[in-house]
Amino acid sequence: MHALSEAGWLGWLLRGSGMLVWLVWVVLLRFAGGTHPAVAIADSGLSPGRRLLGYVVLAVFVACFIPSIWSPVRS
């Protein structure tokens, strides 16, 4: 703790900035392993149904984040 205090990190970690949670995740993920299991069939593409589903999901995503020009809420 003394080294953290000298480096100026102790107040940053303990003052409620919300960064302590992310630091814990970084430490946990560092030791959790970084390899991904191999896929069963590496050269297979998406089926037409899954490709269509991907385009539909992308369209919904874009439609949800388009800014509204005419809003019923007055500012």
PDB file of N, CA and C in Angstrom:
ATOM      1  N   MET A   1       0.813  -1.204   0.000  1.00  0.00           N
ATOM      2  CA  MET A   1       0.000   0.000   0.000  1.00  0.00           C
ATOM      3  C   MET A   1       0.853   1.263   0.000  1.00  0.00           C
ATOM      4  N   HIS A   2       2.014   1.164   0.623  1.00  0.00           N
ATOM      5  CA  HIS A   2       2.882   2.330   0.695  1.00  0.00           C
ATOM      6  C   HIS A   2       3.379   2.722  -0.700  1.00  0.00           C
ATOM      7  N   ALA A   3       3.688   1.706  -1.525  1.00  0.00           N
ATOM      8  CA  ALA A   3       4.162   1.997  -2.885  1.00  0.00           C
ATOM      9  C   ALA A   3       3.054   2.640  -3.713  1.00  0.00           C
ATOM     10  N   LEU A   4       1.825   2.175  -3.522  1.00  0.00           N
ATOM     11  CA  LEU A   4       0.699   2.778  -4.240  1.00  0.00           C
ATOM     12  C   LEU A   4       0.479   4.221  -3.800  1.00  0.00           C
ATOM     13  N   SER A   5       0.663   4.457  -2.515  1.00  0.00           N
ATOM     14  CA  SER A   5       0.485   5.806  -1.994  1.00  0.00           C
ATOM     15  C   SER A   5       1.554   6.748  -2.544  1.00  0.00           C
ATOM     16  N   GLU A   6       2.782   6.270  -2.622  1.00  0.00           N
ATOM     17  CA  GLU A   6       3.866   7.107  -3.145  1.00  0.00           C
ATOM     18  C   GLU A   6       3.675   7.395  -4.638  1.00  0.00           C
ATOM     19  N   ALA A   7       3.142   6.422  -5.362  1.00  0.00           N
ATOM     20  CA  ALA A   7       2.943   6.614  -6.796  1.00  0.00           C
ATOM     21  C   ALA A   7       1.700   7.438  -7.107  1.00  0.00           C
ATOM     22  N   GLY A   8       0.883   7.690  -6.101  1.00  0.00           N
ATOM     23  CA  GLY A   8      -0.323   8.473  -6.311  1.00  0.00           C
ATOM     24  C   GLY A   8      -1.515   7.648  -6.771  1.00  0.00           C
ATOM     25  N   TRP A   9      -1.413   6.324  -6.684  1.00  0.00           N
ATOM     26  CA  TRP A   9      -2.487   5.449  -7.145  1.00  0.00           C
ATOM     27  C   TRP A   9      -3.477   5.093  -6.039  1.00  0.00           C
ATOM     28  N   LEU A  10      -3.086   5.213  -4.790  1.00  0.00           N
ATOM     29  CA  LEU A  10      -3.947   4.772  -3.706  1.00  0.00           C
ATOM     30  C   LEU A  10      -5.241   5.572  -3.645  1.00  0.00           C
ATOM     31  N   GLY A  11      -5.144   6.881  -3.736  1.00  0.00           N
ATOM     32  CA  GLY A  11      -6.352   7.705  -3.724  1.00  0.00           C
ATOM     33  C   GLY A  11      -7.225   7.448  -4.928  1.00  0.00           C
ATOM     34  N   TRP A  12      -6.597   7.212  -6.073  1.00  0.00           N
ATOM     35  CA  TRP A  12      -7.335   6.936  -7.310  1.00  0.00           C
ATOM     36  C   TRP A  12      -8.108   5.629  -7.205  1.00  0.00           C
ATOM     37  N   LEU A  13      -7.515   4.635  -6.552  1.00  0.00           N
ATOM     38  CA  LEU A  13      -8.176   3.338  -6.438  1.00  0.00           C
ATOM     39  C   LEU A  13      -9.280   3.322  -5.386  1.00  0.00           C
ATOM     40  N   LEU A  14      -9.105   4.092  -4.332  1.00  0.00           N
ATOM     41  CA  LEU A  14     -10.014   3.983  -3.193  1.00  0.00           C
ATOM     42  C   LEU A  14     -11.061   5.084  -3.105  1.00  0.00           C
ATOM     43  N   ARG A  15     -11.008   6.097  -3.953  1.00  0.00           N
ATOM     44  CA  ARG A  15     -11.931   7.216  -3.786  1.00  0.00           C
ATOM     45  C   ARG A  15     -13.289   6.998  -4.444  1.00  0.00           C
ATOM     46  N   GLY A  16     -13.532   5.821  -4.984  1.00  0.00           N
ATOM     47  CA  GLY A  16     -14.830   5.551  -5.566  1.00  0.00           C
ATOM     48  C   GLY A  16     -14.928   5.944  -7.020  1.00  0.00           C
ATOM     49  N   SER A  17     -13.812   5.900  -7.756  1.00  0.00           N
ATOM     50  CA  SER A  17     -13.841   6.298  -9.157  1.00  0.00           C
ATOM     51  C   SER A  17     -14.406   5.201 -10.045  1.00  0.00           C
ATOM     52  N   GLY A  18     -14.573   4.010  -9.513  1.00  0.00           N
ATOM     53  CA  GLY A  18     -15.101   2.910 -10.306  1.00  0.00           C
ATOM     54  C   GLY A  18     -14.038   2.147 -11.063  1.00  0.00           C
ATOM     55  N   MET A  19     -12.801   2.553 -10.971  1.00  0.00           N
ATOM     56  CA  MET A  19     -11.737   1.908 -11.722  1.00  0.00           C
ATOM     57  C   MET A  19     -11.193   0.666 -11.029  1.00  0.00           C
ATOM     58  N   LEU A  20     -11.450   0.512  -9.746  1.00  0.00           N
ATOM     59  CA  LEU A  20     -10.952  -0.657  -9.027  1.00  0.00           C
ATOM     60  C   LEU A  20     -11.571  -1.935  -9.582  1.00  0.00           C
ATOM     61  N   VAL A  21     -12.823  -1.884  -9.972  1.00  0.00           N
ATOM     62  CA  VAL A  21     -13.490  -3.053 -10.548  1.00  0.00           C
ATOM     63  C   VAL A  21     -12.805  -3.472 -11.837  1.00  0.00           C
ATOM     64  N   TRP A  22     -12.448  -2.507 -12.681  1.00  0.00           N
ATOM     65  CA  TRP A  22     -11.774  -2.832 -13.936  1.00  0.00           C
ATOM     66  C   TRP A  22     -10.379  -3.386 -13.692  1.00  0.00           C
ATOM     67  N   LEU A  23      -9.715  -2.892 -12.684  1.00  0.00           N
ATOM     68  CA  LEU A  23      -8.391  -3.414 -12.345  1.00  0.00           C
ATOM     69  C   LEU A  23      -8.491  -4.867 -11.898  1.00  0.00           C
ATOM     70  N   VAL A  24      -9.518  -5.194 -11.135  1.00  0.00           N
ATOM     71  CA  VAL A  24      -9.736  -6.589 -10.722  1.00  0.00           C
ATOM     72  C   VAL A  24      -9.984  -7.462 -11.942  1.00  0.00           C
ATOM     73  N   TRP A  25     -10.779  -7.001 -12.890  1.00  0.00           N
ATOM     74  CA  TRP A  25     -11.039  -7.778 -14.107  1.00  0.00           C
ATOM     75  C   TRP A  25      -9.771  -7.980 -14.912  1.00  0.00           C
ATOM     76  N   VAL A  26      -8.925  -6.971 -14.999  1.00  0.00           N
ATOM     77  CA  VAL A  26      -7.670  -7.116 -15.742  1.00  0.00           C
ATOM     78  C   VAL A  26      -6.801  -8.192 -15.114  1.00  0.00           C
ATOM     79  N   VAL A  27      -6.722  -8.192 -13.802  1.00  0.00           N
ATOM     80  CA  VAL A  27      -5.911  -9.200 -13.113  1.00  0.00           C
ATOM     81  C   VAL A  27      -6.512 -10.584 -13.312  1.00  0.00           C
ATOM     82  N   LEU A  28      -7.825 -10.715 -13.185  1.00  0.00           N
ATOM     83  CA  LEU A  28      -8.463 -12.022 -13.366  1.00  0.00           C
ATOM     84  C   LEU A  28      -8.302 -12.546 -14.788  1.00  0.00           C
ATOM     85  N   LEU A  29      -8.487 -11.688 -15.767  1.00  0.00           N
ATOM     86  CA  LEU A  29      -8.372 -12.120 -17.154  1.00  0.00           C
ATOM     87  C   LEU A  29      -6.942 -12.434 -17.543  1.00  0.00           C
ATOM     88  N   ARG A  30      -5.994 -11.811 -16.873  1.00  0.00           N
ATOM     89  CA  ARG A  30      -4.589 -12.094 -17.166  1.00  0.00           C
ATOM     90  C   ARG A  30      -4.259 -13.543 -16.837  1.00  0.00           C
ATOM     91  N   PHE A  31      -4.836 -14.074 -15.777  1.00  0.00           N
ATOM     92  CA  PHE A  31      -4.532 -15.431 -15.345  1.00  0.00           C
ATOM     93  C   PHE A  31      -5.568 -16.450 -15.803  1.00  0.00           C
ATOM     94  N   ALA A  32      -6.589 -16.021 -16.514  1.00  0.00           N
ATOM     95  CA  ALA A  32      -7.636 -16.944 -16.966  1.00  0.00           C
ATOM     96  C   ALA A  32      -7.235 -17.687 -18.229  1.00  0.00           C
ATOM     97  N   GLY A  33      -6.250 -17.237 -18.933  1.00  0.00           N
ATOM     98  CA  GLY A  33      -5.827 -17.896 -20.164  1.00  0.00           C
ATOM     99  C   GLY A  33      -6.278 -17.088 -21.363  1.00  0.00           C
ATOM    100  N   GLY A  34      -5.445 -17.079 -22.381  1.00  0.00           N
ATOM    101  CA  GLY A  34      -5.754 -16.250 -23.529  1.00  0.00           C
ATOM    102  C   GLY A  34      -5.962 -17.027 -24.813  1.00  0.00           C
ATOM    103  N   THR A  35      -6.080 -18.333 -24.724  1.00  0.00           N
ATOM    104  CA  THR A  35      -6.245 -19.113 -25.945  1.00  0.00           C
ATOM    105  C   THR A  35      -7.713 -19.461 -26.146  1.00  0.00           C
ATOM    106  N   HIS A  36      -8.081 -19.556 -27.392  1.00  0.00           N
ATOM    107  CA  HIS A  36      -9.445 -19.904 -27.756  1.00  0.00           C
ATOM    108  C   HIS A  36      -9.436 -21.328 -28.290  1.00  0.00           C
ATOM    109  N   PRO A  37     -10.436 -22.140 -27.968  1.00  0.00           N
ATOM    110  CA  PRO A  37     -10.450 -23.494 -28.509  1.00  0.00           C
ATOM    111  C   PRO A  37     -10.606 -23.487 -30.024  1.00  0.00           C
ATOM    112  N   ALA A  38     -10.086 -24.500 -30.662  1.00  0.00           N
ATOM    113  CA  ALA A  38     -10.167 -24.589 -32.115  1.00  0.00           C
ATOM    114  C   ALA A  38     -11.613 -24.801 -32.560  1.00  0.00           C
ATOM    115  N   VAL A  39     -11.951 -24.270 -33.730  1.00  0.00           N
ATOM    116  CA  VAL A  39     -13.292 -24.450 -34.275  1.00  0.00           C
ATOM    117  C   VAL A  39     -13.364 -25.796 -34.979  1.00  0.00           C
ATOM    118  N   ALA A  40     -14.565 -26.357 -35.079  1.00  0.00           N
ATOM    119  CA  ALA A  40     -14.732 -27.687 -35.657  1.00  0.00           C
ATOM    120  C   ALA A  40     -14.448 -27.678 -37.159  1.00  0.00           C
ATOM    121  N   ILE A  41     -15.062 -26.759 -37.894  1.00  0.00           N
ATOM    122  CA  ILE A  41     -14.866 -26.668 -39.335  1.00  0.00           C
ATOM    123  C   ILE A  41     -14.426 -25.242 -39.636  1.00  0.00           C
ATOM    124  N   ALA A  42     -13.162 -25.062 -39.948  1.00  0.00           N
ATOM    125  CA  ALA A  42     -12.610 -23.715 -40.090  1.00  0.00           C
ATOM    126  C   ALA A  42     -13.006 -23.036 -41.392  1.00  0.00           C
ATOM    127  N   ASP A  43     -13.262 -23.818 -42.459  1.00  0.00           N
ATOM    128  CA  ASP A  43     -13.500 -23.214 -43.764  1.00  0.00           C
ATOM    129  C   ASP A  43     -14.982 -23.040 -44.103  1.00  0.00           C
ATOM    130  N   SER A  44     -15.870 -23.400 -43.208  1.00  0.00           N
ATOM    131  CA  SER A  44     -17.294 -23.278 -43.524  1.00  0.00           C
ATOM    132  C   SER A  44     -17.754 -21.837 -43.321  1.00  0.00           C
ATOM    133  N   GLY A  45     -18.532 -21.337 -44.286  1.00  0.00           N
ATOM    134  CA  GLY A  45     -19.066 -19.980 -44.187  1.00  0.00           C
ATOM    135  C   GLY A  45     -20.423 -19.996 -43.496  1.00  0.00           C
ATOM    136  N   LEU A  46     -21.035 -18.842 -43.448  1.00  0.00           N
ATOM    137  CA  LEU A  46     -22.358 -18.751 -42.850  1.00  0.00           C
ATOM    138  C   LEU A  46     -23.406 -19.251 -43.832  1.00  0.00           C
ATOM    139  N   SER A  47     -24.422 -19.898 -43.292  1.00  0.00           N
ATOM    140  CA  SER A  47     -25.531 -20.328 -44.136  1.00  0.00           C
ATOM    141  C   SER A  47     -26.347 -19.097 -44.541  1.00  0.00           C
ATOM    142  N   PRO A  48     -27.133 -19.185 -45.621  1.00  0.00           N
ATOM    143  CA  PRO A  48     -27.928 -18.023 -46.050  1.00  0.00           C
ATOM    144  C   PRO A  48     -28.877 -17.513 -44.965  1.00  0.00           C
ATOM    145  N   GLY A  49     -29.432 -18.408 -44.173  1.00  0.00           N
ATOM    146  CA  GLY A  49     -30.326 -17.981 -43.096  1.00  0.00           C
ATOM    147  C   GLY A  49     -29.614 -17.172 -42.029  1.00  0.00           C
ATOM    148  N   ARG A  50     -28.408 -17.607 -41.663  1.00  0.00           N
ATOM    149  CA  ARG A  50     -27.644 -16.867 -40.655  1.00  0.00           C
ATOM    150  C   ARG A  50     -27.132 -15.545 -41.207  1.00  0.00           C
ATOM    151  N   ARG A  51     -26.790 -15.523 -42.468  1.00  0.00           N
ATOM    152  CA  ARG A  51     -26.352 -14.273 -43.095  1.00  0.00           C
ATOM    153  C   ARG A  51     -27.512 -13.265 -43.111  1.00  0.00           C
ATOM    154  N   LEU A  52     -28.727 -13.725 -43.458  1.00  0.00           N
ATOM    155  CA  LEU A  52     -29.906 -12.853 -43.439  1.00  0.00           C
ATOM    156  C   LEU A  52     -30.187 -12.352 -42.029  1.00  0.00           C
ATOM    157  N   LEU A  53     -30.085 -13.243 -41.055  1.00  0.00           N
ATOM    158  CA  LEU A  53     -30.297 -12.841 -39.663  1.00  0.00           C
ATOM    159  C   LEU A  53     -29.283 -11.776 -39.247  1.00  0.00           C
ATOM    160  N   GLY A  54     -28.040 -11.912 -39.687  1.00  0.00           N
ATOM    161  CA  GLY A  54     -27.022 -10.906 -39.378  1.00  0.00           C
ATOM    162  C   GLY A  54     -27.359  -9.552 -39.964  1.00  0.00           C
ATOM    163  N   TYR A  55     -27.854  -9.544 -41.211  1.00  0.00           N
ATOM    164  CA  TYR A  55     -28.246  -8.271 -41.830  1.00  0.00           C
ATOM    165  C   TYR A  55     -29.447  -7.649 -41.118  1.00  0.00           C
ATOM    166  N   VAL A  56     -30.395  -8.465 -40.689  1.00  0.00           N
ATOM    167  CA  VAL A  56     -31.563  -7.945 -39.964  1.00  0.00           C
ATOM    168  C   VAL A  56     -31.127  -7.334 -38.641  1.00  0.00           C
ATOM    169  N   VAL A  57     -30.246  -8.020 -37.924  1.00  0.00           N
ATOM    170  CA  VAL A  57     -29.768  -7.500 -36.641  1.00  0.00           C
ATOM    171  C   VAL A  57     -28.989  -6.204 -36.852  1.00  0.00           C
ATOM    172  N   LEU A  58     -28.178  -6.135 -37.894  1.00  0.00           N
ATOM    173  CA  LEU A  58     -27.445  -4.911 -38.201  1.00  0.00           C
ATOM    174  C   LEU A  58     -28.400  -3.764 -38.526  1.00  0.00           C
ATOM    175  N   ALA A  59     -29.467  -4.033 -39.279  1.00  0.00           N
ATOM    176  CA  ALA A  59     -30.451  -2.998 -39.614  1.00  0.00           C
ATOM    177  C   ALA A  59     -31.156  -2.494 -38.357  1.00  0.00           C
ATOM    178  N   VAL A  60     -31.507  -3.400 -37.448  1.00  0.00           N
ATOM    179  CA  VAL A  60     -32.157  -2.986 -36.199  1.00  0.00           C
ATOM    180  C   VAL A  60     -31.195  -2.146 -35.367  1.00  0.00           C
ATOM    181  N   PHE A  61     -29.927  -2.541 -35.326  1.00  0.00           N
ATOM    182  CA  PHE A  61     -28.924  -1.773 -34.581  1.00  0.00           C
ATOM    183  C   PHE A  61     -28.804  -0.354 -35.130  1.00  0.00           C
ATOM    184  N   VAL A  62     -28.709  -0.221 -36.441  1.00  0.00           N
ATOM    185  CA  VAL A  62     -28.583   1.099 -37.061  1.00  0.00           C
ATOM    186  C   VAL A  62     -29.856   1.918 -36.827  1.00  0.00           C
ATOM    187  N   ALA A  63     -31.020   1.287 -36.937  1.00  0.00           N
ATOM    188  CA  ALA A  63     -32.287   2.006 -36.745  1.00  0.00           C
ATOM    189  C   ALA A  63     -32.455   2.509 -35.312  1.00  0.00           C
ATOM    190  N   CYS A  64     -31.879   1.821 -34.366  1.00  0.00           N
ATOM    191  CA  CYS A  64     -32.007   2.235 -32.967  1.00  0.00           C
ATOM    192  C   CYS A  64     -31.138   3.438 -32.629  1.00  0.00           C
ATOM    193  N   PHE A  65     -30.084   3.694 -33.401  1.00  0.00           N
ATOM    194  CA  PHE A  65     -29.160   4.753 -33.059  1.00  0.00           C
ATOM    195  C   PHE A  65     -29.157   5.914 -34.038  1.00  0.00           C
ATOM    196  N   ILE A  66     -30.140   5.991 -34.901  1.00  0.00           N
ATOM    197  CA  ILE A  66     -30.262   7.137 -35.790  1.00  0.00           C
ATOM    198  C   ILE A  66     -30.864   8.298 -34.987  1.00  0.00           C
ATOM    199  N   PRO A  67     -30.243   9.468 -35.022  1.00  0.00           N
ATOM    200  CA  PRO A  67     -30.784  10.580 -34.241  1.00  0.00           C
ATOM    201  C   PRO A  67     -32.138  11.038 -34.782  1.00  0.00           C
ATOM    202  N   SER A  68     -32.987  11.421 -33.878  1.00  0.00           N
ATOM    203  CA  SER A  68     -34.323  11.869 -34.242  1.00  0.00           C
ATOM    204  C   SER A  68     -34.313  13.369 -34.514  1.00  0.00           C
ATOM    205  N   ILE A  69     -34.818  13.760 -35.675  1.00  0.00           N
ATOM    206  CA  ILE A  69     -34.873  15.187 -36.012  1.00  0.00           C
ATOM    207  C   ILE A  69     -36.090  15.834 -35.365  1.00  0.00           C
ATOM    208  N   TRP A  70     -37.228  15.167 -35.449  1.00  0.00           N
ATOM    209  CA  TRP A  70     -38.459  15.682 -34.850  1.00  0.00           C
ATOM    210  C   TRP A  70     -38.756  14.899 -33.598  1.00  0.00           C
ATOM    211  N   SER A  71     -38.556  15.493 -32.472  1.00  0.00           N
ATOM    212  CA  SER A  71     -38.773  14.823 -31.205  1.00  0.00           C
ATOM    213  C   SER A  71     -40.016  15.375 -30.530  1.00  0.00           C
ATOM    214  N   PRO A  72     -40.836  14.508 -29.941  1.00  0.00           N
ATOM    215  CA  PRO A  72     -42.011  14.999 -29.213  1.00  0.00           C
ATOM    216  C   PRO A  72     -41.647  15.693 -27.917  1.00  0.00           C
ATOM    217  N   VAL A  73     -40.409  15.531 -27.458  1.00  0.00           N
ATOM    218  CA  VAL A  73     -39.968  16.159 -26.226  1.00  0.00           C
ATOM    219  C   VAL A  73     -39.325  17.488 -26.543  1.00  0.00           C
ATOM    220  N   ARG A  74     -39.833  18.549 -25.967  1.00  0.00           N
ATOM    221  CA  ARG A  74     -39.282  19.892 -26.176  1.00  0.00           C
ATOM    222  C   ARG A  74     -38.191  20.145 -25.152  1.00  0.00           C
ATOM    223  N   SER A  75     -37.099  20.717 -25.598  1.00  0.00           N
ATOM    224  CA  SER A  75     -36.028  21.029 -24.638  1.00  0.00           C
ATOM    225  C   SER A  75     -36.058  22.484 -24.238  1.00  0.00           C
TER     226      SER A  75
END
